[in-house]
Amino acid sequence: EYPDDPSKAYNSFYPSASGYGSFAFEDTWPAMGDYDFNDLVVDYQYKQVMNSKNQVVELHPKFKFRAAGAGLRNGFGFSL
């Protein structure tokens, strides 16, 4: 996929090149009676650029926010 760049060989996607996974959060978990996990719903997809040794040389995360209905003030963070 990268014929002019010797440091890159191919792309790998997680969960897939055309699909997304989902994170669902509940702001009062584990409080009784509120288990709907609809306070924040985020879809994610990771594009990993790999080298010829199958090592990740670049990571391109993609996030899509689908729902935000929390009663409390919350934030979303991503860390490697």
C-alpha atoms as a PDB file:
ATOM      1  CA  GLU A   1       0.000   0.000   0.000  1.00  0.00           C
ATOM      2  CA  TYR A   2       3.020   2.280   0.373  1.00  0.00           C
ATOM      3  CA  PRO A   3       5.344   1.544  -2.561  1.00  0.00           C
ATOM      4  CA  ASP A   4       7.259   4.840  -2.184  1.00  0.00           C
ATOM      5  CA  ASP A   5       7.779   4.684   1.593  1.00  0.00           C
ATOM      6  CA  PRO A   6      10.120   1.936   2.873  1.00  0.00           C
ATOM      7  CA  SER A   7       9.035   2.527   6.495  1.00  0.00           C
ATOM      8  CA  LYS A   8       5.416   1.504   5.753  1.00  0.00           C
ATOM      9  CA  ALA A   9       4.012  -1.687   4.245  1.00  0.00           C
ATOM     10  CA  TYR A  10       0.255  -2.029   4.735  1.00  0.00           C
ATOM     11  CA  ASN A  11      -2.815  -0.912   6.701  1.00  0.00           C
ATOM     12  CA  SER A  12      -4.571  -2.956   9.344  1.00  0.00           C
ATOM     13  CA  PHE A  13      -7.980  -1.980  10.740  1.00  0.00           C
ATOM     14  CA  TYR A  14      -9.683  -2.803  14.023  1.00  0.00           C
ATOM     15  CA  PRO A  15     -12.397  -3.989  14.301  1.00  0.00           C
ATOM     16  CA  SER A  16     -12.538  -3.855  10.461  1.00  0.00           C
ATOM     17  CA  ALA A  17     -11.981  -1.518   7.515  1.00  0.00           C
ATOM     18  CA  SER A  18     -15.707  -0.964   7.072  1.00  0.00           C
ATOM     19  CA  GLY A  19     -17.018  -1.396  10.626  1.00  0.00           C
ATOM     20  CA  TYR A  20     -16.871   0.179  14.045  1.00  0.00           C
ATOM     21  CA  GLY A  21     -16.936  -1.124  17.599  1.00  0.00           C
ATOM     22  CA  SER A  22     -18.799   0.687  20.366  1.00  0.00           C
ATOM     23  CA  PHE A  23     -18.026   1.915  23.865  1.00  0.00           C
ATOM     24  CA  ALA A  24     -21.043   2.516  26.101  1.00  0.00           C
ATOM     25  CA  PHE A  25     -20.785   4.322  29.434  1.00  0.00           C
ATOM     26  CA  GLU A  26     -23.068   4.780  32.418  1.00  0.00           C
ATOM     27  CA  ASP A  27     -22.351   7.805  34.614  1.00  0.00           C
ATOM     28  CA  THR A  28     -23.784   6.381  37.832  1.00  0.00           C
ATOM     29  CA  TRP A  29     -22.455   2.826  37.481  1.00  0.00           C
ATOM     30  CA  PRO A  30     -22.592   0.732  39.694  1.00  0.00           C
ATOM     31  CA  ALA A  31     -25.505   2.493  41.436  1.00  0.00           C
ATOM     32  CA  MET A  32     -28.670   0.419  41.660  1.00  0.00           C
ATOM     33  CA  GLY A  33     -31.399   0.917  39.076  1.00  0.00           C
ATOM     34  CA  ASP A  34     -29.449   2.662  36.317  1.00  0.00           C
ATOM     35  CA  TYR A  35     -27.935   0.079  33.998  1.00  0.00           C
ATOM     36  CA  ASP A  36     -28.962   1.417  30.582  1.00  0.00           C
ATOM     37  CA  PHE A  37     -25.425   2.445  29.506  1.00  0.00           C
ATOM     38  CA  ASN A  38     -26.727   5.273  27.326  1.00  0.00           C
ATOM     39  CA  ASP A  39     -25.007   8.246  28.947  1.00  0.00           C
ATOM     40  CA  LEU A  40     -22.231   8.203  26.370  1.00  0.00           C
ATOM     41  CA  VAL A  41     -21.981   5.917  23.353  1.00  0.00           C
ATOM     42  CA  VAL A  42     -18.877   6.202  21.172  1.00  0.00           C
ATOM     43  CA  ASP A  43     -18.083   4.208  18.039  1.00  0.00           C
ATOM     44  CA  TYR A  44     -14.403   3.552  17.328  1.00  0.00           C
ATOM     45  CA  GLN A  45     -12.176   2.304  14.538  1.00  0.00           C
ATOM     46  CA  TYR A  46      -8.378   2.081  14.519  1.00  0.00           C
ATOM     47  CA  LYS A  47      -6.275   2.243  11.370  1.00  0.00           C
ATOM     48  CA  GLN A  48      -2.804   0.888  12.035  1.00  0.00           C
ATOM     49  CA  VAL A  49      -0.059   1.537   9.504  1.00  0.00           C
ATOM     50  CA  MET A  50       2.327  -1.418   9.686  1.00  0.00           C
ATOM     51  CA  ASN A  51       5.896  -1.907   8.504  1.00  0.00           C
ATOM     52  CA  SER A  52       7.337  -5.015   6.878  1.00  0.00           C
ATOM     53  CA  LYS A  53       8.137  -6.472  10.338  1.00  0.00           C
ATOM     54  CA  ASN A  54       4.424  -6.266  11.338  1.00  0.00           C
ATOM     55  CA  GLN A  55       5.138  -3.397  13.718  1.00  0.00           C
ATOM     56  CA  VAL A  56       2.804  -0.427  14.088  1.00  0.00           C
ATOM     57  CA  VAL A  57       4.455   2.754  12.779  1.00  0.00           C
ATOM     58  CA  GLU A  58       1.343   4.972  12.804  1.00  0.00           C
ATOM     59  CA  LEU A  59      -2.027   4.808  14.516  1.00  0.00           C
ATOM     60  CA  HIS A  60      -5.088   6.699  13.302  1.00  0.00           C
ATOM     61  CA  PRO A  61      -8.017   6.330  15.713  1.00  0.00           C
ATOM     62  CA  LYS A  62     -11.463   7.442  14.584  1.00  0.00           C
ATOM     63  CA  PHE A  63     -14.279   8.157  17.051  1.00  0.00           C
ATOM     64  CA  LYS A  64     -17.948   8.906  16.349  1.00  0.00           C
ATOM     65  CA  PHE A  65     -20.150  10.098  19.177  1.00  0.00           C
ATOM     66  CA  ARG A  66     -23.600   8.513  18.875  1.00  0.00           C
ATOM     67  CA  ALA A  67     -25.303   9.446  22.143  1.00  0.00           C
ATOM     68  CA  ALA A  68     -24.705  11.780  25.059  1.00  0.00           C
ATOM     69  CA  GLY A  69     -27.487  11.776  27.618  1.00  0.00           C
ATOM     70  CA  ALA A  70     -25.758  11.864  30.980  1.00  0.00           C
ATOM     71  CA  GLY A  71     -27.248  13.742  33.903  1.00  0.00           C
ATOM     72  CA  LEU A  72     -23.760  14.417  35.233  1.00  0.00           C
ATOM     73  CA  ARG A  73     -20.993  16.380  33.550  1.00  0.00           C
ATOM     74  CA  ASN A  74     -18.636  13.836  31.977  1.00  0.00           C
ATOM     75  CA  GLY A  75     -15.684  13.746  29.636  1.00  0.00           C
ATOM     76  CA  PHE A  76     -14.179  11.298  27.199  1.00  0.00           C
ATOM     77  CA  GLY A  77     -10.444  10.712  26.995  1.00  0.00           C
ATOM     78  CA  PHE A  78      -8.175   8.476  24.945  1.00  0.00           C
ATOM     79  CA  SER A  79      -4.664   7.557  25.987  1.00  0.00           C
ATOM     80  CA  LEU A  80      -1.959   5.268  24.671  1.00  0.00           C
END
